[in-house]
PDB file of N, CA and C in Angstrom:
ATOM      1  N   MET A   1     216.864 240.559 107.287  1.00  0.00           N
ATOM      2  CA  MET A   1     217.110 241.510 106.216  1.00  0.00           C
ATOM      3  C   MET A   1     216.153 241.282 105.049  1.00  0.00           C
ATOM      4  N   THR A   2     215.844 240.024 104.777  1.00  0.00           N
ATOM      5  CA  THR A   2     214.916 239.728 103.691  1.00  0.00           C
ATOM      6  C   THR A   2     213.538 240.302 103.978  1.00  0.00           C
ATOM      7  N   GLU A   3     213.113 240.231 105.236  1.00  0.00           N
ATOM      8  CA  GLU A   3     211.800 240.765 105.592  1.00  0.00           C
ATOM      9  C   GLU A   3     211.733 242.269 105.349  1.00  0.00           C
ATOM     10  N   THR A   4     212.814 242.979 105.610  1.00  0.00           N
ATOM     11  CA  THR A   4     212.858 244.418 105.369  1.00  0.00           C
ATOM     12  C   THR A   4     212.723 244.704 103.878  1.00  0.00           C
ATOM     13  N   HIS A   5     213.421 243.927 103.056  1.00  0.00           N
ATOM     14  CA  HIS A   5     213.350 244.113 101.605  1.00  0.00           C
ATOM     15  C   HIS A   5     211.944 243.806 101.099  1.00  0.00           C
ATOM     16  N   GLU A   6     211.339 242.743 101.634  1.00  0.00           N
ATOM     17  CA  GLU A   6     209.976 242.394 101.234  1.00  0.00           C
ATOM     18  C   GLU A   6     209.007 243.515 101.609  1.00  0.00           C
ATOM     19  N   LEU A   7     209.168 244.050 102.801  1.00  0.00           N
ATOM     20  CA  LEU A   7     208.309 245.148 103.251  1.00  0.00           C
ATOM     21  C   LEU A   7     208.487 246.375 102.367  1.00  0.00           C
ATOM     22  N   ASP A   8     209.726 246.679 101.986  1.00  0.00           N
ATOM     23  CA  ASP A   8     209.987 247.814 101.093  1.00  0.00           C
ATOM     24  C   ASP A   8     209.314 247.609  99.740  1.00  0.00           C
ATOM     25  N   THR A   9     209.366 246.388  99.225  1.00  0.00           N
ATOM     26  CA  THR A   9     208.761 246.083  97.937  1.00  0.00           C
ATOM     27  C   THR A   9     207.246 246.221  98.007  1.00  0.00           C
ATOM     28  N   ILE A  10     206.655 245.709  99.066  1.00  0.00           N
ATOM     29  CA  ILE A  10     205.206 245.825  99.232  1.00  0.00           C
ATOM     30  C   ILE A  10     204.810 247.284  99.375  1.00  0.00           C
ATOM     31  N   THR A  11     205.579 248.036 100.131  1.00  0.00           N
ATOM     32  CA  THR A  11     205.300 249.465 100.310  1.00  0.00           C
ATOM     33  C   THR A  11     205.391 250.203  98.981  1.00  0.00           C
ATOM     34  N   GLU A  12     206.379 249.870  98.169  1.00  0.00           N
ATOM     35  CA  GLU A  12     206.531 250.506  96.860  1.00  0.00           C
ATOM     36  C   GLU A  12     205.338 250.178  95.955  1.00  0.00           C
ATOM     37  N   ALA A  13     204.912 248.922  95.963  1.00  0.00           N
ATOM     38  CA  ALA A  13     203.763 248.514  95.154  1.00  0.00           C
ATOM     39  C   ALA A  13     202.502 249.244  95.614  1.00  0.00           C
ATOM     40  N   LEU A  14     202.300 249.334  96.914  1.00  0.00           N
ATOM     41  CA  LEU A  14     201.133 250.035  97.436  1.00  0.00           C
ATOM     42  C   LEU A  14     201.160 251.520  97.095  1.00  0.00           C
ATOM     43  N   THR A  15     202.332 252.121  97.093  1.00  0.00           N
ATOM     44  CA  THR A  15     202.471 253.531  96.727  1.00  0.00           C
ATOM     45  C   THR A  15     202.052 253.750  95.278  1.00  0.00           C
ATOM     46  N   ILE A  16     202.492 252.868  94.400  1.00  0.00           N
ATOM     47  CA  ILE A  16     202.124 252.975  92.981  1.00  0.00           C
ATOM     48  C   ILE A  16     200.615 252.835  92.817  1.00  0.00           C
ATOM     49  N   ILE A  17     200.030 251.868  93.512  1.00  0.00           N
ATOM     50  CA  ILE A  17     198.582 251.666  93.433  1.00  0.00           C
ATOM     51  C   ILE A  17     197.843 252.892  93.956  1.00  0.00           C
ATOM     52  N   ASP A  18     198.268 253.409  95.102  1.00  0.00           N
ATOM     53  CA  ASP A  18     197.597 254.574  95.692  1.00  0.00           C
ATOM     54  C   ASP A  18     197.678 255.796  94.781  1.00  0.00           C
ATOM     55  N   GLN A  19     198.834 256.027  94.170  1.00  0.00           N
ATOM     56  CA  GLN A  19     198.982 257.168  93.269  1.00  0.00           C
ATOM     57  C   GLN A  19     198.063 257.021  92.063  1.00  0.00           C
ATOM     58  N   ALA A  20     198.036 255.824  91.490  1.00  0.00           N
ATOM     59  CA  ALA A  20     197.199 255.607  90.308  1.00  0.00           C
ATOM     60  C   ALA A  20     195.720 255.734  90.657  1.00  0.00           C
ATOM     61  N   LEU A  21     195.321 255.190  91.793  1.00  0.00           N
ATOM     62  CA  LEU A  21     193.922 255.310  92.196  1.00  0.00           C
ATOM     63  C   LEU A  21     193.542 256.772  92.430  1.00  0.00           C
ATOM     64  N   GLY A  22     194.449 257.536  93.009  1.00  0.00           N
ATOM     65  CA  GLY A  22     194.191 258.954  93.226  1.00  0.00           C
ATOM     66  C   GLY A  22     193.969 259.692  91.921  1.00  0.00           C
ATOM     67  N   GLU A  23     194.726 259.344  90.907  1.00  0.00           N
ATOM     68  CA  GLU A  23     194.566 259.977  89.603  1.00  0.00           C
ATOM     69  C   GLU A  23     193.289 259.516  88.905  1.00  0.00           C
ATOM     70  N   MET A  24     192.961 258.242  89.064  1.00  0.00           N
ATOM     71  CA  MET A  24     191.804 257.678  88.355  1.00  0.00           C
ATOM     72  C   MET A  24     190.470 258.038  89.002  1.00  0.00           C
ATOM     73  N   LEU A  25     190.472 258.377  90.279  1.00  0.00           N
ATOM     74  CA  LEU A  25     189.217 258.685  90.971  1.00  0.00           C
ATOM     75  C   LEU A  25     188.513 259.913  90.402  1.00  0.00           C
ATOM     76  N   HIS A  26     189.254 260.800  89.799  1.00  0.00           N
ATOM     77  CA  HIS A  26     188.694 262.049  89.304  1.00  0.00           C
ATOM     78  C   HIS A  26     188.258 261.957  87.845  1.00  0.00           C
ATOM     79  N   ARG A  27     188.277 260.756  87.321  1.00  0.00           N
ATOM     80  CA  ARG A  27     187.928 260.575  85.913  1.00  0.00           C
ATOM     81  C   ARG A  27     186.787 259.576  85.784  1.00  0.00           C
ATOM     82  N   GLU A  28     185.989 259.766  84.785  1.00  0.00           N
ATOM     83  CA  GLU A  28     184.889 258.827  84.540  1.00  0.00           C
ATOM     84  C   GLU A  28     185.369 257.625  83.740  1.00  0.00           C
ATOM     85  N   LEU A  29     186.302 257.846  82.854  1.00  0.00           N
ATOM     86  CA  LEU A  29     186.810 256.759  82.018  1.00  0.00           C
ATOM     87  C   LEU A  29     188.310 256.606  82.219  1.00  0.00           C
ATOM     88  N   VAL A  30     188.734 255.379  82.270  1.00  0.00           N
ATOM     89  CA  VAL A  30     190.154 255.067  82.358  1.00  0.00           C
ATOM     90  C   VAL A  30     190.452 254.079  81.235  1.00  0.00           C
ATOM     91  N   SER A  31     191.455 254.379  80.455  1.00  0.00           N
ATOM     92  CA  SER A  31     191.753 253.507  79.322  1.00  0.00           C
ATOM     93  C   SER A  31     192.336 252.180  79.788  1.00  0.00           C
ATOM     94  N   THR A  32     192.125 251.172  78.975  1.00  0.00           N
ATOM     95  CA  THR A  32     192.681 249.856  79.303  1.00  0.00           C
ATOM     96  C   THR A  32     194.200 249.901  79.315  1.00  0.00           C
ATOM     97  N   ASN A  33     194.781 250.783  78.516  1.00  0.00           N
ATOM     98  CA  ASN A  33     196.244 250.914  78.506  1.00  0.00           C
ATOM     99  C   ASN A  33     196.762 251.411  79.851  1.00  0.00           C
ATOM    100  N   GLU A  34     196.048 252.361  80.437  1.00  0.00           N
ATOM    101  CA  GLU A  34     196.473 252.883  81.739  1.00  0.00           C
ATOM    102  C   GLU A  34     196.363 251.823  82.829  1.00  0.00           C
ATOM    103  N   VAL A  35     195.292 251.061  82.795  1.00  0.00           N
ATOM    104  CA  VAL A  35     195.116 249.985  83.779  1.00  0.00           C
ATOM    105  C   VAL A  35     196.181 248.912  83.565  1.00  0.00           C
ATOM    106  N   SER A  36     196.435 248.569  82.318  1.00  0.00           N
ATOM    107  CA  SER A  36     197.472 247.575  82.014  1.00  0.00           C
ATOM    108  C   SER A  36     198.838 248.047  82.483  1.00  0.00           C
ATOM    109  N   ASP A  37     199.151 249.309  82.252  1.00  0.00           N
ATOM    110  CA  ASP A  37     200.431 249.857  82.705  1.00  0.00           C
ATOM    111  C   ASP A  37     200.570 249.763  84.217  1.00  0.00           C
ATOM    112  N   LEU A  38     199.502 250.093  84.926  1.00  0.00           N
ATOM    113  CA  LEU A  38     199.518 250.018  86.387  1.00  0.00           C
ATOM    114  C   LEU A  38     199.760 248.586  86.845  1.00  0.00           C
ATOM    115  N   LEU A  39     199.029 247.646  86.264  1.00  0.00           N
ATOM    116  CA  LEU A  39     199.185 246.248  86.661  1.00  0.00           C
ATOM    117  C   LEU A  39     200.582 245.724  86.318  1.00  0.00           C
ATOM    118  N   LEU A  40     201.104 246.118  85.183  1.00  0.00           N
ATOM    119  CA  LEU A  40     202.456 245.688  84.807  1.00  0.00           C
ATOM    120  C   LEU A  40     203.512 246.265  85.743  1.00  0.00           C
ATOM    121  N   ASP A  41     203.339 247.526  86.152  1.00  0.00           N
ATOM    122  CA  ASP A  41     204.271 248.133  87.107  1.00  0.00           C
ATOM    123  C   ASP A  41     204.288 247.358  88.423  1.00  0.00           C
ATOM    124  N   VAL A  42     203.102 247.063  88.930  1.00  0.00           N
ATOM    125  CA  VAL A  42     203.007 246.337  90.201  1.00  0.00           C
ATOM    126  C   VAL A  42     203.567 244.925  90.048  1.00  0.00           C
ATOM    127  N   ARG A  43     203.226 244.265  88.944  1.00  0.00           N
ATOM    128  CA  ARG A  43     203.733 242.913  88.704  1.00  0.00           C
ATOM    129  C   ARG A  43     205.253 242.908  88.609  1.00  0.00           C
ATOM    130  N   SER A  44     205.801 243.896  87.940  1.00  0.00           N
ATOM    131  CA  SER A  44     207.247 243.994  87.782  1.00  0.00           C
ATOM    132  C   SER A  44     207.949 244.110  89.134  1.00  0.00           C
ATOM    133  N   ILE A  45     207.416 244.949  89.985  1.00  0.00           N
ATOM    134  CA  ILE A  45     208.010 245.141  91.307  1.00  0.00           C
ATOM    135  C   ILE A  45     207.931 243.847  92.121  1.00  0.00           C
ATOM    136  N   LEU A  46     206.760 243.232  92.113  1.00  0.00           N
ATOM    137  CA  LEU A  46     206.572 242.026  92.918  1.00  0.00           C
ATOM    138  C   LEU A  46     207.352 240.836  92.359  1.00  0.00           C
ATOM    139  N   SER A  47     207.427 240.696  91.039  1.00  0.00           N
ATOM    140  CA  SER A  47     208.157 239.562  90.469  1.00  0.00           C
ATOM    141  C   SER A  47     209.660 239.728  90.650  1.00  0.00           C
ATOM    142  N   HIS A  48     210.136 240.972  90.651  1.00  0.00           N
ATOM    143  CA  HIS A  48     211.557 241.208  90.913  1.00  0.00           C
ATOM    144  C   HIS A  48     211.908 240.733  92.313  1.00  0.00           C
ATOM    145  N   ASP A  49     211.054 241.049  93.273  1.00  0.00           N
ATOM    146  CA  ASP A  49     211.278 240.625  94.656  1.00  0.00           C
ATOM    147  C   ASP A  49     211.199 239.107  94.770  1.00  0.00           C
ATOM    148  N   ALA A  50     210.272 238.496  94.075  1.00  0.00           N
ATOM    149  CA  ALA A  50     210.144 237.037  94.107  1.00  0.00           C
ATOM    150  C   ALA A  50     211.390 236.386  93.517  1.00  0.00           C
ATOM    151  N   GLY A  51     211.951 236.971  92.491  1.00  0.00           N
ATOM    152  CA  GLY A  51     213.180 236.441  91.887  1.00  0.00           C
ATOM    153  C   GLY A  51     214.334 236.502  92.869  1.00  0.00           C
ATOM    154  N   LEU A  52     214.409 237.550  93.651  1.00  0.00           N
ATOM    155  CA  LEU A  52     215.473 237.658  94.655  1.00  0.00           C
ATOM    156  C   LEU A  52     215.306 236.608  95.742  1.00  0.00           C
ATOM    157  N   LEU A  53     214.076 236.315  96.118  1.00  0.00           N
ATOM    158  CA  LEU A  53     213.830 235.306  97.144  1.00  0.00           C
ATOM    159  C   LEU A  53     214.230 233.918  96.651  1.00  0.00           C
ATOM    160  N   VAL A  54     213.975 233.629  95.397  1.00  0.00           N
ATOM    161  CA  VAL A  54     214.325 232.326  94.821  1.00  0.00           C
ATOM    162  C   VAL A  54     215.841 232.158  94.812  1.00  0.00           C
ATOM    163  N   GLN A  55     216.577 233.223  94.517  1.00  0.00           N
ATOM    164  CA  GLN A  55     218.036 233.156  94.467  1.00  0.00           C
ATOM    165  C   GLN A  55     218.626 232.892  95.836  1.00  0.00           C
ATOM    166  N   ASN A  56     217.977 233.379  96.884  1.00  0.00           N
ATOM    167  CA  ASN A  56     218.480 233.193  98.240  1.00  0.00           C
ATOM    168  C   ASN A  56     218.016 231.868  98.727  1.00  0.00           C
TER     169      ASN A  56
END
């Protein structure tokens, strides 16, 4: 069951990255705030999953 949850978390993180990359590909400039937001979103998802693994 843990492996399924880990896979879901990785899939969610990859989805966020893919969506952001799709939006950024059509622009010449991307603000540091947008990049920071993307990285924080991915970090949040992955650290939440890591916290669940530590509890188990």
